[in-house]
Amino acid sequence: MADLARIGRLGAAIVAKGRDAYLDDGVDGQILRTAGREQIVKVATVVEKLPAELKAAHPDVEWVKVQRMRNLVAHHDDKVNDEFVWETLRTRIPALLDALGLED
């Protein structure tokens, strides 16, 4: 769970740079998008290893969607919508952490 909290902090640092910086076509934007996508893969990797009991205790979390997002980002780079990834970093990952009691 500490890994999820750390990933959440990294995601928050990316979001703190702002949407325009994240979506910028320049090198800095590309770096932010690459880092953002990596956070999604890492979240799913940690979530995959969580005990079934913990997942069952949080039925409000869309566990399958977490894995699907990871598969999209990891295997179908050409189909990734950067705006959707931004929103995931901005809202969905913090909501997951909050649901698990990990939000600062």
Protein backbone atom coordinates (compact mmCIF):
# COMPACT_ATOMS: atom_id res chain seq x y z
CA MET A 1 0.00 0.00 0.00
CA ALA A 2 2.96 2.30 0.57
CA ASP A 3 3.76 1.83 -3.12
CA LEU A 4 0.31 3.15 -4.06
CA ALA A 5 0.78 6.19 -1.85
CA ARG A 6 4.17 6.88 -3.45
CA ILE A 7 2.73 6.50 -6.94
CA GLY A 8 -0.06 8.86 -5.95
CA ARG A 9 2.47 11.48 -4.88
CA LEU A 10 4.30 11.16 -8.20
CA GLY A 11 1.02 11.47 -10.07
CA ALA A 12 0.15 14.57 -8.05
CA ALA A 13 3.53 16.08 -8.92
CA ILE A 14 2.80 15.52 -12.62
CA VAL A 15 -0.65 17.09 -12.25
CA ALA A 16 0.87 20.04 -10.39
CA LYS A 17 2.71 20.95 -13.59
CA GLY A 18 -0.67 21.68 -15.14
CA ARG A 19 -2.78 20.38 -18.00
CA ASP A 20 -1.21 22.64 -20.62
CA ALA A 21 2.30 21.48 -19.70
CA TYR A 22 1.16 17.85 -19.71
CA LEU A 23 -0.43 18.09 -23.15
CA ASP A 24 2.29 20.28 -24.67
CA ASP A 25 3.77 18.91 -27.90
CA GLY A 26 7.33 19.73 -26.83
CA VAL A 27 9.85 17.50 -25.13
CA ASP A 28 8.75 18.54 -21.63
CA GLY A 29 5.17 17.52 -22.41
CA GLN A 30 6.36 14.22 -23.83
CA ILE A 31 8.34 13.56 -20.66
CA LEU A 32 5.31 14.33 -18.48
CA ARG A 33 3.04 12.10 -20.58
CA THR A 34 5.53 9.24 -20.46
CA ALA A 35 5.82 9.61 -16.69
CA GLY A 36 2.03 9.80 -16.35
CA ARG A 37 1.52 6.64 -18.35
CA GLU A 38 4.11 4.86 -16.25
CA GLN A 39 2.23 5.78 -13.07
CA ILE A 40 -0.90 4.13 -14.49
CA VAL A 41 1.03 0.94 -15.24
CA LYS A 42 2.53 0.98 -11.75
CA VAL A 43 -0.85 1.50 -10.07
CA ALA A 44 -2.28 -1.49 -11.91
CA THR A 45 0.76 -3.61 -11.05
CA VAL A 46 0.31 -2.89 -7.35
CA VAL A 47 -3.47 -3.32 -7.52
CA GLU A 48 -3.07 -6.70 -9.20
CA LYS A 49 -1.15 -7.93 -6.15
CA LEU A 50 -3.63 -6.68 -3.54
CA PRO A 51 -5.38 -9.39 -1.55
CA ALA A 52 -8.82 -10.41 -2.83
CA GLU A 53 -10.26 -9.62 0.60
CA LEU A 54 -9.12 -6.01 0.33
CA LYS A 55 -10.65 -5.68 -3.13
CA ALA A 56 -13.89 -7.24 -1.92
CA ALA A 57 -13.99 -4.74 0.93
CA HIS A 58 -13.98 -1.91 -1.64
CA PRO A 59 -16.64 -2.81 -4.21
CA ASP A 60 -16.92 0.85 -5.21
CA VAL A 61 -13.47 0.67 -6.82
CA GLU A 62 -13.59 -0.36 -10.46
CA TRP A 63 -10.76 -2.90 -10.23
CA VAL A 64 -11.27 -4.29 -13.72
CA LYS A 65 -11.05 -0.82 -15.26
CA VAL A 66 -7.72 -0.25 -13.52
CA GLN A 67 -6.32 -3.32 -15.26
CA ARG A 68 -7.88 -2.43 -18.61
CA MET A 69 -6.36 1.04 -18.49
CA ARG A 70 -2.97 -0.49 -17.76
CA ASN A 71 -3.30 -2.88 -20.69
CA LEU A 72 -4.23 -0.03 -23.02
CA VAL A 73 -1.29 2.13 -21.92
CA ALA A 74 1.21 -0.74 -21.92
CA HIS A 75 0.22 -2.48 -25.13
CA HIS A 76 -1.63 -0.02 -27.37
CA ASP A 77 0.38 3.18 -27.21
CA ASP A 78 -1.11 4.42 -30.47
CA LYS A 79 -4.64 4.28 -28.99
CA VAL A 80 -3.93 6.13 -25.75
CA ASN A 81 -5.91 9.33 -25.30
CA ASP A 82 -3.63 11.73 -23.42
CA GLU A 83 -6.58 13.77 -22.16
CA PHE A 84 -8.06 10.64 -20.59
CA VAL A 85 -4.71 9.77 -19.00
CA TRP A 86 -4.54 13.33 -17.62
CA GLU A 87 -8.00 12.95 -16.07
CA THR A 88 -6.99 9.60 -14.63
CA LEU A 89 -3.96 11.16 -12.98
CA ARG A 90 -5.97 14.16 -11.82
CA THR A 91 -9.10 12.44 -10.51
CA ARG A 92 -9.20 8.66 -10.72
CA ILE A 93 -5.92 7.79 -9.01
CA PRO A 94 -6.58 10.21 -6.12
CA ALA A 95 -10.11 8.73 -5.80
CA LEU A 96 -8.63 5.22 -5.63
CA LEU A 97 -6.18 6.29 -2.94
CA ASP A 98 -8.97 8.01 -1.03
CA ALA A 99 -11.16 4.89 -1.19
CA LEU A 100 -8.27 2.89 0.27
CA GLY A 101 -7.58 5.49 2.96
CA LEU A 102 -4.24 6.50 1.44
CA GLU A 103 -4.96 10.07 0.41
CA ASP A 104 -2.83 12.64 2.24
